[in-house]
Amino acid sequence: MRYLDAGDAGMAKKQNYDKRSDVEKIESQWTKLSGLQTRAEWSAAVVRAATAAELAANLAIRQEFEARSKFDGAFVDKLLKWANGLTGKLDKLLLPMLEDQDKRAAIVKLCNLARKVNDKRNDIAHRGVFCSQKEATEQIANCKKFVVGVVRHYVPDFDLHEKPSR
């Protein structure tokens, strides 16, 4: 399973999205949202940020299953689809799996940030709400804290950098 390979960013752009690691997918979303920000496409940038948050949750869930079970990746992928969205993944899979772990308290705090960006994403995607630059900047900052905070529990040197679009 390729969940943690950071990979080469240049290579990730050439590689089929479905074959990328979770870290590469997060980085791709962040690159895309950085470009959207430079074009003042605030609502679309928030949607990409929320997608990065969901991918970070996927990474954490996959790593927890890998550490605790013998379930294969296909089964875990089915559970991720069943959980249906970021909130479902957090409430039905990740947080219950962390019940007796030291990192749970830190991740619970981070999840509150992710819920905010996911709520804004749902307003954009399901209600057609638009997002101002100020709102987008705040939501993206919340998302970055969530993504980096969660992923670093599994990939200690992980970080996100805003990248200019081409």
C-alpha atoms as a PDB file:
ATOM      1  CA  MET A   1       0.000   0.000   0.000  1.00  0.00           C
ATOM      2  CA  ARG A   2       1.236   3.469  -0.872  1.00  0.00           C
ATOM      3  CA  TYR A   3      -0.271   5.749   1.720  1.00  0.00           C
ATOM      4  CA  LEU A   4       2.742   7.561   3.083  1.00  0.00           C
ATOM      5  CA  ASP A   5       5.126   8.046   0.175  1.00  0.00           C
ATOM      6  CA  ALA A   6       5.648  11.777  -0.196  1.00  0.00           C
ATOM      7  CA  GLY A   7       7.012  11.236  -3.694  1.00  0.00           C
ATOM      8  CA  ASP A   8       8.371  13.798  -6.082  1.00  0.00           C
ATOM      9  CA  ALA A   9       5.954  16.677  -6.664  1.00  0.00           C
ATOM     10  CA  GLY A  10       6.878  16.854 -10.354  1.00  0.00           C
ATOM     11  CA  MET A  11       6.240  13.145 -10.719  1.00  0.00           C
ATOM     12  CA  ALA A  12       2.872  13.424  -8.966  1.00  0.00           C
ATOM     13  CA  LYS A  13       1.600  15.755 -11.689  1.00  0.00           C
ATOM     14  CA  LYS A  14       2.395  13.152 -14.354  1.00  0.00           C
ATOM     15  CA  GLN A  15       1.120  10.177 -12.393  1.00  0.00           C
ATOM     16  CA  ASN A  16      -2.502   9.039 -12.618  1.00  0.00           C
ATOM     17  CA  TYR A  17      -4.371  10.556  -9.662  1.00  0.00           C
ATOM     18  CA  ASP A  18      -5.758   7.189  -8.516  1.00  0.00           C
ATOM     19  CA  LYS A  19      -2.242   5.748  -8.313  1.00  0.00           C
ATOM     20  CA  ARG A  20      -0.912   8.540  -6.087  1.00  0.00           C
ATOM     21  CA  SER A  21      -0.326   8.109  -2.378  1.00  0.00           C
ATOM     22  CA  ASP A  22      -2.588   9.942   0.059  1.00  0.00           C
ATOM     23  CA  VAL A  23       0.212  12.448   0.713  1.00  0.00           C
ATOM     24  CA  GLU A  24       0.602  13.085  -3.022  1.00  0.00           C
ATOM     25  CA  LYS A  25      -3.157  13.580  -3.361  1.00  0.00           C
ATOM     26  CA  ILE A  26      -3.150  16.086  -0.480  1.00  0.00           C
ATOM     27  CA  GLU A  27      -0.249  17.940  -2.072  1.00  0.00           C
ATOM     28  CA  SER A  28      -2.090  18.007  -5.415  1.00  0.00           C
ATOM     29  CA  GLN A  29      -5.180  19.499  -3.798  1.00  0.00           C
ATOM     30  CA  TRP A  30      -3.047  22.115  -2.062  1.00  0.00           C
ATOM     31  CA  THR A  31      -1.293  23.049  -5.304  1.00  0.00           C
ATOM     32  CA  LYS A  32      -4.655  23.416  -7.028  1.00  0.00           C
ATOM     33  CA  LEU A  33      -6.133  25.547  -4.236  1.00  0.00           C
ATOM     34  CA  SER A  34      -3.056  27.783  -4.291  1.00  0.00           C
ATOM     35  CA  GLY A  35      -3.707  28.469  -7.970  1.00  0.00           C
ATOM     36  CA  LEU A  36      -7.383  29.104  -7.319  1.00  0.00           C
ATOM     37  CA  GLN A  37      -6.443  31.647  -4.647  1.00  0.00           C
ATOM     38  CA  THR A  38      -4.191  33.543  -7.057  1.00  0.00           C
ATOM     39  CA  ARG A  39      -7.177  33.797  -9.430  1.00  0.00           C
ATOM     40  CA  ALA A  40      -9.496  34.957  -6.600  1.00  0.00           C
ATOM     41  CA  GLU A  41     -11.663  31.827  -6.960  1.00  0.00           C
ATOM     42  CA  TRP A  42     -12.386  31.733  -3.244  1.00  0.00           C
ATOM     43  CA  SER A  43     -15.262  29.259  -3.184  1.00  0.00           C
ATOM     44  CA  ALA A  44     -13.438  26.727  -5.345  1.00  0.00           C
ATOM     45  CA  ALA A  45     -10.333  27.087  -3.167  1.00  0.00           C
ATOM     46  CA  VAL A  46     -12.386  26.249  -0.062  1.00  0.00           C
ATOM     47  CA  VAL A  47     -13.780  23.142  -1.776  1.00  0.00           C
ATOM     48  CA  ARG A  48     -10.214  22.005  -2.554  1.00  0.00           C
ATOM     49  CA  ALA A  49      -9.166  22.707   1.039  1.00  0.00           C
ATOM     50  CA  ALA A  50     -12.027  20.564   2.339  1.00  0.00           C
ATOM     51  CA  THR A  51     -10.978  17.816  -0.060  1.00  0.00           C
ATOM     52  CA  ALA A  52      -7.443  17.961   1.346  1.00  0.00           C
ATOM     53  CA  ALA A  53      -8.912  17.622   4.853  1.00  0.00           C
ATOM     54  CA  GLU A  54     -10.869  14.547   3.827  1.00  0.00           C
ATOM     55  CA  LEU A  55      -7.759  13.034   2.251  1.00  0.00           C
ATOM     56  CA  ALA A  56      -5.856  13.659   5.495  1.00  0.00           C
ATOM     57  CA  ALA A  57      -8.596  11.811   7.376  1.00  0.00           C
ATOM     58  CA  ASN A  58      -8.326   8.971   4.838  1.00  0.00           C
ATOM     59  CA  LEU A  59      -4.586   8.729   5.449  1.00  0.00           C
ATOM     60  CA  ALA A  60      -5.040   8.602   9.223  1.00  0.00           C
ATOM     61  CA  ILE A  61      -7.802   6.000   9.003  1.00  0.00           C
ATOM     62  CA  ARG A  62      -5.810   3.815   6.624  1.00  0.00           C
ATOM     63  CA  GLN A  63      -2.764   3.998   8.880  1.00  0.00           C
ATOM     64  CA  GLU A  64      -4.801   3.104  11.957  1.00  0.00           C
ATOM     65  CA  PHE A  65      -6.343   0.116  10.183  1.00  0.00           C
ATOM     66  CA  GLU A  66      -2.943  -0.962   8.888  1.00  0.00           C
ATOM     67  CA  ALA A  67      -1.463  -0.791  12.402  1.00  0.00           C
ATOM     68  CA  ARG A  68      -4.370  -2.582  14.106  1.00  0.00           C
ATOM     69  CA  SER A  69      -5.829  -5.055  11.644  1.00  0.00           C
ATOM     70  CA  LYS A  70      -5.225  -7.370   8.745  1.00  0.00           C
ATOM     71  CA  PHE A  71      -7.980  -5.840   6.621  1.00  0.00           C
ATOM     72  CA  ASP A  72      -6.889  -5.336   3.041  1.00  0.00           C
ATOM     73  CA  GLY A  73      -6.875  -1.941   1.372  1.00  0.00           C
ATOM     74  CA  ALA A  74      -9.984  -2.679  -0.709  1.00  0.00           C
ATOM     75  CA  PHE A  75     -12.021  -3.344   2.435  1.00  0.00           C
ATOM     76  CA  VAL A  76     -10.746  -0.166   4.104  1.00  0.00           C
ATOM     77  CA  ASP A  77     -11.641   1.789   0.953  1.00  0.00           C
ATOM     78  CA  LYS A  78     -15.204   0.424   1.221  1.00  0.00           C
ATOM     79  CA  LEU A  79     -15.381   1.613   4.821  1.00  0.00           C
ATOM     80  CA  LEU A  80     -14.185   5.058   3.763  1.00  0.00           C
ATOM     81  CA  LYS A  81     -16.979   5.242   1.176  1.00  0.00           C
ATOM     82  CA  TRP A  82     -19.516   3.959   3.712  1.00  0.00           C
ATOM     83  CA  ALA A  83     -18.520   6.670   6.193  1.00  0.00           C
ATOM     84  CA  ASN A  84     -19.704   9.209   3.586  1.00  0.00           C
ATOM     85  CA  GLY A  85     -17.779  12.452   3.808  1.00  0.00           C
ATOM     86  CA  LEU A  86     -15.404  14.081   6.230  1.00  0.00           C
ATOM     87  CA  THR A  87     -17.772  14.176   9.198  1.00  0.00           C
ATOM     88  CA  GLY A  88     -18.673  10.509   8.776  1.00  0.00           C
ATOM     89  CA  LYS A  89     -15.027   9.528   8.507  1.00  0.00           C
ATOM     90  CA  LEU A  90     -14.160  11.439  11.654  1.00  0.00           C
ATOM     91  CA  ASP A  91     -17.153  10.316  13.733  1.00  0.00           C
ATOM     92  CA  LYS A  92     -17.611   6.740  12.494  1.00  0.00           C
ATOM     93  CA  LEU A  93     -14.013   5.679  11.900  1.00  0.00           C
ATOM     94  CA  LEU A  94     -11.119   7.875  13.031  1.00  0.00           C
ATOM     95  CA  LEU A  95     -12.193   9.120  16.448  1.00  0.00           C
ATOM     96  CA  PRO A  96     -13.521   5.718  17.619  1.00  0.00           C
ATOM     97  CA  MET A  97     -10.236   4.129  16.507  1.00  0.00           C
ATOM     98  CA  LEU A  98      -8.290   6.632  18.606  1.00  0.00           C
ATOM     99  CA  GLU A  99     -10.361   6.088  21.759  1.00  0.00           C
ATOM    100  CA  ASP A 100      -7.486   4.836  23.939  1.00  0.00           C
ATOM    101  CA  GLN A 101      -4.604   6.627  22.221  1.00  0.00           C
ATOM    102  CA  ASP A 102      -2.559   9.591  23.390  1.00  0.00           C
ATOM    103  CA  LYS A 103      -3.033  11.457  20.100  1.00  0.00           C
ATOM    104  CA  ARG A 104      -6.847  11.445  20.409  1.00  0.00           C
ATOM    105  CA  ALA A 105      -7.174  14.730  22.330  1.00  0.00           C
ATOM    106  CA  ALA A 106      -5.004  16.610  19.852  1.00  0.00           C
ATOM    107  CA  ILE A 107      -6.875  15.173  16.889  1.00  0.00           C
ATOM    108  CA  VAL A 108     -10.282  15.970  18.435  1.00  0.00           C
ATOM    109  CA  LYS A 109      -9.249  19.647  18.622  1.00  0.00           C
ATOM    110  CA  LEU A 110      -8.085  19.540  15.019  1.00  0.00           C
ATOM    111  CA  CYS A 111     -11.356  17.911  13.959  1.00  0.00           C
ATOM    112  CA  ASN A 112     -13.246  20.998  15.120  1.00  0.00           C
ATOM    113  CA  LEU A 113     -11.297  23.019  12.535  1.00  0.00           C
ATOM    114  CA  ALA A 114     -12.048  20.458   9.834  1.00  0.00           C
ATOM    115  CA  ARG A 115     -15.768  20.551  10.632  1.00  0.00           C
ATOM    116  CA  LYS A 116     -15.799  24.322  10.031  1.00  0.00           C
ATOM    117  CA  VAL A 117     -14.208  24.057   6.604  1.00  0.00           C
ATOM    118  CA  ASN A 118     -16.446  21.097   5.740  1.00  0.00           C
ATOM    119  CA  ASP A 119     -19.559  23.087   6.720  1.00  0.00           C
ATOM    120  CA  LYS A 120     -18.448  25.927   4.441  1.00  0.00           C
ATOM    121  CA  ARG A 121     -17.705  23.422   1.664  1.00  0.00           C
ATOM    122  CA  ASN A 122     -21.202  21.971   2.013  1.00  0.00           C
ATOM    123  CA  ASP A 123     -22.730  25.454   1.836  1.00  0.00           C
ATOM    124  CA  ILE A 124     -20.799  26.076  -1.384  1.00  0.00           C
ATOM    125  CA  ALA A 125     -21.455  22.681  -2.976  1.00  0.00           C
ATOM    126  CA  HIS A 126     -25.043  22.086  -1.884  1.00  0.00           C
ATOM    127  CA  ARG A 127     -26.548  25.532  -1.467  1.00  0.00           C
ATOM    128  CA  GLY A 128     -24.572  27.536  -4.024  1.00  0.00           C
ATOM    129  CA  VAL A 129     -23.216  29.909  -1.391  1.00  0.00           C
ATOM    130  CA  PHE A 130     -20.231  32.043  -2.381  1.00  0.00           C
ATOM    131  CA  CYS A 131     -17.211  32.654  -0.206  1.00  0.00           C
ATOM    132  CA  SER A 132     -15.395  35.949   0.292  1.00  0.00           C
ATOM    133  CA  GLN A 133     -11.623  36.282   0.334  1.00  0.00           C
ATOM    134  CA  LYS A 134     -11.686  36.803   4.098  1.00  0.00           C
ATOM    135  CA  GLU A 135     -13.825  33.677   4.696  1.00  0.00           C
ATOM    136  CA  ALA A 136     -11.730  31.602   2.304  1.00  0.00           C
ATOM    137  CA  THR A 137      -8.476  32.696   3.905  1.00  0.00           C
ATOM    138  CA  GLU A 138      -9.787  31.753   7.354  1.00  0.00           C
ATOM    139  CA  GLN A 139     -11.165  28.391   6.210  1.00  0.00           C
ATOM    140  CA  ILE A 140      -7.991  27.493   4.334  1.00  0.00           C
ATOM    141  CA  ALA A 141      -5.882  28.349   7.390  1.00  0.00           C
ATOM    142  CA  ASN A 142      -8.134  26.106   9.520  1.00  0.00           C
ATOM    143  CA  CYS A 143      -7.799  23.358   6.969  1.00  0.00           C
ATOM    144  CA  LYS A 144      -4.023  23.651   6.842  1.00  0.00           C
ATOM    145  CA  LYS A 145      -3.828  23.310  10.637  1.00  0.00           C
ATOM    146  CA  PHE A 146      -6.017  20.207  10.463  1.00  0.00           C
ATOM    147  CA  VAL A 147      -4.200  18.564   7.568  1.00  0.00           C
ATOM    148  CA  VAL A 148      -0.685  19.211   8.846  1.00  0.00           C
ATOM    149  CA  GLY A 149      -1.636  18.373  12.427  1.00  0.00           C
ATOM    150  CA  VAL A 150      -3.259  15.055  11.547  1.00  0.00           C
ATOM    151  CA  VAL A 151      -0.787  13.921   8.898  1.00  0.00           C
ATOM    152  CA  ARG A 152       2.221  14.653  11.127  1.00  0.00           C
ATOM    153  CA  HIS A 153       1.011  11.959  13.507  1.00  0.00           C
ATOM    154  CA  TYR A 154       1.773   9.510  10.685  1.00  0.00           C
ATOM    155  CA  VAL A 155       4.370  11.380   8.551  1.00  0.00           C
ATOM    156  CA  PRO A 156       6.380  13.466  11.054  1.00  0.00           C
ATOM    157  CA  ASP A 157       8.101  15.734   8.501  1.00  0.00           C
ATOM    158  CA  PHE A 158       4.946  16.494   6.482  1.00  0.00           C
ATOM    159  CA  ASP A 159       4.154  20.107   5.623  1.00  0.00           C
ATOM    160  CA  LEU A 160       2.046  22.025   3.115  1.00  0.00           C
ATOM    161  CA  HIS A 161       3.350  24.904   1.060  1.00  0.00           C
ATOM    162  CA  GLU A 162       1.398  27.269  -1.119  1.00  0.00           C
ATOM    163  CA  LYS A 163       2.543  26.736  -4.679  1.00  0.00           C
ATOM    164  CA  PRO A 164       1.933  29.089  -7.551  1.00  0.00           C
ATOM    165  CA  SER A 165      -0.138  27.655 -10.394  1.00  0.00           C
ATOM    166  CA  ARG A 166       1.401  27.334 -13.828  1.00  0.00           C
END
